[in-house]
Protein backbone atom coordinates (compact mmCIF):
# COMPACT_ATOMS: atom_id res chain seq x y z
CA MET A 1 29.93 16.96 93.08
CA VAL A 2 28.56 15.39 89.92
CA ARG A 3 25.22 13.75 90.39
CA THR A 4 24.64 10.34 88.83
CA PRO A 5 21.38 10.10 86.85
CA GLU A 6 18.62 8.02 88.27
CA PRO A 7 18.33 4.50 86.77
CA LYS A 8 14.96 5.29 85.20
CA ALA A 9 16.29 8.47 83.57
CA LEU A 10 19.34 6.58 82.28
CA TRP A 11 17.20 3.91 80.64
CA ALA A 12 15.07 6.62 79.05
CA LEU A 13 18.11 8.28 77.53
CA VAL A 14 19.36 4.92 76.11
CA ALA A 15 15.96 4.17 74.58
CA LEU A 16 15.73 7.61 73.04
CA ALA A 17 19.18 7.26 71.44
CA ALA A 18 18.29 3.82 70.00
CA LEU A 19 15.05 5.14 68.55
CA ALA A 20 16.86 8.00 66.82
CA ALA A 21 19.45 5.63 65.33
CA GLY A 22 16.73 3.30 64.09
CA CYS A 23 14.86 6.09 62.38
CA ALA A 24 18.01 7.27 60.64
CA GLY A 25 18.83 3.75 59.37
CA GLY A 26 15.28 3.15 58.19
CA ALA A 27 15.28 6.36 56.16
CA ALA A 28 18.41 5.24 54.29
CA ARG A 29 16.89 1.89 53.28
CA ALA A 30 13.34 2.96 52.46
CA PRO A 31 12.35 2.90 48.73
CA VAL A 32 12.06 6.36 47.24
CA ASP A 33 9.66 7.09 44.41
CA GLU A 34 11.61 9.06 41.78
CA PRO A 35 9.34 9.50 38.75
CA HIS A 36 11.84 11.78 37.00
CA ALA A 37 14.59 9.23 37.43
CA HIS A 38 12.38 6.49 35.96
CA ARG A 39 11.50 8.61 32.96
CA HIS A 40 15.16 9.31 32.38
CA ARG A 41 16.06 5.63 32.37
CA GLU A 42 13.18 4.76 30.05
CA ALA A 43 14.17 7.49 27.59
CA ARG A 44 17.60 5.93 27.14
CA VAL A 45 16.17 2.57 26.03
CA VAL A 46 16.36 2.31 22.22
CA PRO A 47 13.26 0.59 20.82
CA ALA A 48 13.95 -2.48 18.69
CA GLN A 49 13.47 -2.02 14.96
CA ARG A 50 10.36 -3.66 13.62
CA SER A 51 10.94 -6.31 11.00
CA VAL A 52 9.31 -5.58 7.67
CA ARG A 53 6.64 -8.17 6.93
CA ARG A 54 6.20 -9.14 3.33
CA ALA A 55 2.78 -9.55 1.85
CA THR A 56 1.44 -13.09 1.61
CA TYR A 57 -1.01 -12.58 -1.24
CA HIS A 58 -1.45 -10.14 -4.11
CA VAL A 59 -4.68 -9.42 -5.95
CA VAL A 60 -3.99 -9.05 -9.67
CA ARG A 61 -4.90 -5.72 -11.21
CA ARG A 62 -5.50 -4.90 -14.85
CA GLY A 63 -2.27 -4.62 -16.85
CA GLU A 64 -0.13 -6.61 -14.40
CA THR A 65 1.91 -9.64 -15.40
CA LEU A 66 3.50 -12.43 -13.40
CA TYR A 67 6.86 -10.70 -13.87
CA SER A 68 5.70 -7.27 -12.73
CA ILE A 69 4.04 -8.77 -9.64
CA ALA A 70 7.17 -10.72 -8.74
CA TRP A 71 9.22 -7.56 -9.35
CA ARG A 72 6.94 -5.51 -7.08
CA HIS A 73 7.37 -7.96 -4.20
CA GLY A 74 11.06 -8.66 -4.77
CA ARG A 75 10.49 -12.31 -5.65
CA ASP A 76 11.77 -14.64 -8.33
CA TRP A 77 9.02 -14.98 -10.94
CA ARG A 78 9.61 -18.74 -11.11
CA ALA A 79 8.96 -19.07 -7.37
CA VAL A 80 5.71 -17.10 -7.62
CA ALA A 81 4.62 -19.30 -10.53
CA ARG A 82 5.46 -22.44 -8.55
CA TRP A 83 3.63 -21.30 -5.41
CA ASN A 84 0.49 -20.71 -7.48
CA GLY A 85 0.69 -23.72 -9.77
CA LEU A 86 1.11 -21.55 -12.88
CA ARG A 87 2.44 -23.04 -16.09
CA PRO A 88 3.66 -21.40 -19.31
CA PRO A 89 2.52 -19.03 -20.71
CA TYR A 90 1.69 -17.91 -17.13
CA ARG A 91 -1.66 -16.29 -17.86
CA ILE A 92 -3.25 -14.39 -14.97
CA HIS A 93 -6.41 -12.28 -14.81
CA PRO A 94 -7.63 -9.25 -12.82
CA GLY A 95 -9.03 -10.20 -9.44
CA GLN A 96 -6.96 -13.36 -9.22
CA ARG A 97 -5.33 -13.92 -5.81
CA LEU A 98 -1.68 -14.94 -6.04
CA ARG A 99 0.57 -16.11 -3.25
CA VAL A 100 3.73 -13.98 -3.15
CA SER A 101 5.33 -15.55 -0.06
CA PRO A 102 6.50 -19.14 0.41
CA PRO A 103 3.77 -21.49 1.67
CA PRO A 104 4.30 -23.00 5.14
CA ARG A 105 6.55 -25.98 5.16
CA ARG A 106 4.90 -29.34 5.68
CA ALA A 107 6.46 -31.98 7.84
CA ARG A 108 8.23 -34.50 5.70
CA ARG A 109 7.70 -38.18 6.28
CA SER A 110 10.68 -39.97 7.69
CA THR A 111 11.64 -42.13 4.76
CA PRO A 112 15.03 -43.57 3.92
CA ALA A 113 17.27 -41.41 1.78
CA THR A 114 17.30 -44.06 -0.91
CA ALA A 115 13.52 -43.84 -1.17
CA ARG A 116 13.56 -40.03 -1.46
CA ARG A 117 16.28 -40.00 -4.14
CA PRO A 118 15.44 -42.30 -7.03
CA ALA A 119 18.35 -43.59 -9.05
CA PRO A 120 19.07 -41.48 -12.17
CA ARG A 121 17.73 -42.82 -15.40
CA PRO A 122 20.16 -44.20 -17.98
CA GLU A 123 19.53 -41.27 -20.34
CA ARG A 124 20.33 -38.81 -17.56
CA ARG A 125 23.61 -40.58 -16.83
CA ALA A 126 24.46 -40.50 -20.52
CA ARG A 127 23.65 -36.77 -20.72
CA ARG A 128 25.87 -36.02 -17.73
CA ALA A 129 28.69 -37.98 -19.28
CA ALA A 130 28.28 -36.17 -22.60
CA THR A 131 28.24 -32.70 -21.04
CA GLY A 132 30.82 -33.40 -18.39
CA GLN A 133 28.56 -31.94 -15.69
CA PRO A 134 29.37 -33.37 -12.25
CA ARG A 135 26.50 -35.04 -10.45
CA GLY A 136 24.47 -32.61 -8.33
CA GLN A 137 26.17 -29.46 -9.67
CA ALA A 138 23.88 -26.69 -10.88
CA VAL A 139 24.33 -25.37 -14.39
CA PRO A 140 25.86 -21.88 -14.08
CA ALA A 141 23.94 -18.92 -15.46
CA ARG A 142 25.14 -17.87 -18.88
CA ARG A 143 27.16 -14.70 -19.19
CA ILE A 144 25.35 -11.79 -20.77
CA ALA A 145 27.16 -9.05 -22.67
CA TRP A 146 25.49 -6.11 -20.94
CA ARG A 147 25.60 -2.65 -22.48
CA TRP A 148 24.60 0.78 -21.19
CA PRO A 149 20.90 1.49 -21.73
CA THR A 150 21.46 5.19 -22.36
CA SER A 151 24.17 7.84 -22.30
CA GLY A 152 24.66 10.09 -19.32
CA LYS A 153 26.17 10.36 -15.87
CA VAL A 154 25.19 8.09 -12.97
CA ILE A 155 23.46 10.45 -10.56
CA ARG A 156 22.22 7.86 -8.05
CA ARG A 157 24.00 4.66 -7.09
CA PHE A 158 22.79 1.23 -6.08
CA ASP A 159 21.62 0.57 -2.50
CA PRO A 160 19.45 -2.55 -2.15
CA ASN A 161 18.35 -1.60 1.38
CA THR A 162 16.84 1.75 0.36
CA PRO A 163 13.54 2.00 -1.54
CA GLY A 164 14.04 3.58 -4.94
CA LYS A 165 17.73 2.68 -5.04
CA LYS A 166 17.61 -0.95 -6.08
CA GLY A 167 19.18 0.14 -9.34
CA ILE A 168 20.99 3.19 -10.66
CA ALA A 169 19.74 6.49 -12.04
CA ILE A 170 21.35 7.76 -15.24
CA GLY A 171 20.83 11.45 -15.93
CA GLY A 172 20.20 12.84 -19.39
CA ARG A 173 17.80 14.98 -21.33
CA TYR A 174 14.08 14.51 -21.69
CA GLY A 175 13.18 12.35 -24.70
CA GLN A 176 16.61 10.83 -25.34
CA GLY A 177 16.78 7.21 -26.38
CA VAL A 178 16.55 4.30 -23.92
CA ARG A 179 17.90 1.04 -25.31
CA ALA A 180 17.78 -2.63 -24.35
CA ALA A 181 20.83 -3.60 -22.30
CA ALA A 182 20.84 -7.12 -23.83
CA ASP A 183 18.80 -9.40 -26.06
CA GLY A 184 15.51 -10.55 -24.58
CA ARG A 185 11.73 -10.51 -24.54
CA VAL A 186 9.54 -7.74 -23.13
CA VAL A 187 7.51 -9.20 -20.24
CA TYR A 188 6.04 -5.93 -18.96
CA SER A 189 5.31 -2.56 -20.56
CA GLY A 190 3.13 -0.16 -18.60
CA SER A 191 2.80 2.15 -15.62
CA GLY A 192 1.27 -0.09 -12.95
CA LEU A 193 4.23 -0.19 -10.56
CA VAL A 194 4.23 2.73 -8.15
CA GLY A 195 7.52 4.61 -8.10
CA TYR A 196 8.67 3.51 -11.56
CA GLY A 197 6.56 5.67 -13.85
CA LYS A 198 6.28 4.19 -17.34
CA LEU A 199 8.25 0.97 -17.03
CA ILE A 200 9.64 -1.79 -19.25
CA ILE A 201 10.86 -5.15 -17.95
CA ILE A 202 12.89 -7.43 -20.23
CA LYS A 203 13.50 -11.11 -19.59
CA HIS A 204 16.91 -12.15 -20.90
CA ASP A 205 16.83 -15.79 -19.79
CA GLU A 206 15.51 -17.87 -16.90
CA THR A 207 17.85 -16.04 -14.50
CA TRP A 208 18.20 -12.42 -15.57
CA LEU A 209 15.71 -9.53 -15.87
CA SER A 210 16.32 -5.84 -16.48
CA ALA A 211 14.02 -2.86 -15.94
CA TYR A 212 13.84 0.66 -17.38
CA GLY A 213 11.76 3.20 -15.45
CA HIS A 214 10.61 6.83 -15.62
CA ASN A 215 10.14 6.87 -19.40
CA SER A 216 8.11 9.46 -21.27
CA ARG A 217 7.20 7.03 -24.05
CA LEU A 218 7.24 3.25 -24.36
CA ARG A 219 8.17 1.98 -27.83
CA VAL A 220 7.74 -1.78 -27.32
CA LYS A 221 4.89 -3.99 -26.13
CA GLU A 222 4.69 -7.12 -24.02
CA GLY A 223 5.78 -10.23 -25.88
CA GLU A 224 8.11 -8.45 -28.33
CA GLN A 225 11.62 -9.78 -28.86
CA VAL A 226 14.24 -7.04 -28.66
CA ARG A 227 17.91 -6.90 -29.53
CA ALA A 228 20.69 -5.37 -27.49
CA GLY A 229 20.93 -1.68 -28.34
CA GLN A 230 17.41 -1.48 -29.76
CA ARG A 231 15.51 1.66 -28.77
CA ILE A 232 12.69 0.62 -26.47
CA ALA A 233 11.65 3.92 -24.84
CA ASP A 234 12.23 7.64 -24.50
CA MET A 235 13.66 9.09 -21.29
CA GLY A 236 11.23 10.87 -18.99
CA ARG A 237 11.39 12.54 -15.58
CA ASP A 238 11.13 11.33 -12.00
CA GLY A 239 8.75 12.73 -9.40
CA LYS A 240 11.09 15.66 -8.74
CA GLY A 241 11.19 16.68 -12.38
CA THR A 242 14.71 15.42 -13.08
CA ALA A 243 15.27 13.85 -16.50
CA LEU A 244 16.72 10.40 -15.86
CA LEU A 245 16.46 6.67 -16.47
CA HIS A 246 16.01 4.32 -13.51
CA PHE A 247 17.79 1.09 -14.51
CA GLU A 248 17.75 -2.21 -12.62
CA ILE A 249 19.14 -5.70 -13.15
CA ARG A 250 17.86 -8.64 -11.13
CA ARG A 251 19.18 -12.16 -10.87
CA ASN A 252 16.69 -14.77 -9.66
CA GLY A 253 14.50 -11.92 -8.44
CA ARG A 254 17.21 -10.21 -6.40
CA PRO A 255 18.60 -6.78 -7.32
CA VAL A 256 22.28 -6.62 -8.26
CA ASP A 257 24.47 -3.58 -8.79
CA PRO A 258 24.34 -2.77 -12.52
CA LEU A 259 27.73 -1.04 -12.29
CA ARG A 260 29.33 -4.43 -11.58
CA LEU A 261 27.97 -5.81 -14.86
CA LEU A 262 28.02 -2.87 -17.24
CA PRO A 263 31.24 -2.15 -19.17
CA ARG A 264 33.43 0.68 -17.95
CA ARG A 265 33.22 3.93 -19.83
């Protein structure tokens, strides 16, 4: 004969079973500290790239010109002159502090459009009619007949996003001739720009500049007028000892690929 458990013993068994079930459920839901798991998740997060901040001011050093400073900071020389209130002939002096980033914009007063845009003068209207230039259209930059600054093979191509590749490198032999790529005026001749060695910058017009770096000898001085094909320097070597010419062309301060402008050969 099977004996039935006493009521008190039965209730004890039920309570014990409930307690065991509760402990099992609680263990499944409890937070678990997994330091290794956290480190693994954090390691997979790719840090955001830091934006490169441009300098706001530049202190002029001996031998620098407005053009070389604008070139160093990747700015249009006209903008740098405007930000600093400079006028032709753009004289600067050592120790002078120049702004090389745009000044903060000031809130414009809410004035009617007619008040902000004065009517063109009669002589301006006559000049537009004579030239056939539509109202508000910018005058296009003149075309320049570019020529190769030296003979040799292109050993490094243009990459505006990589330092040292904002132009092309033309290989050759030490001391061979470096020539002006177009007519213009020498606006810098020296060795004050880090990474360029002995450098020449030529201004061809209000839009275009060209530069010739890593020379062993500079044959022209600042202010000289040069003709396309005129010898302006002798080829030197870069920091690795390779004989080459670093050649750049910039339009409104921005580097452009010289191979898109130079004639095919």
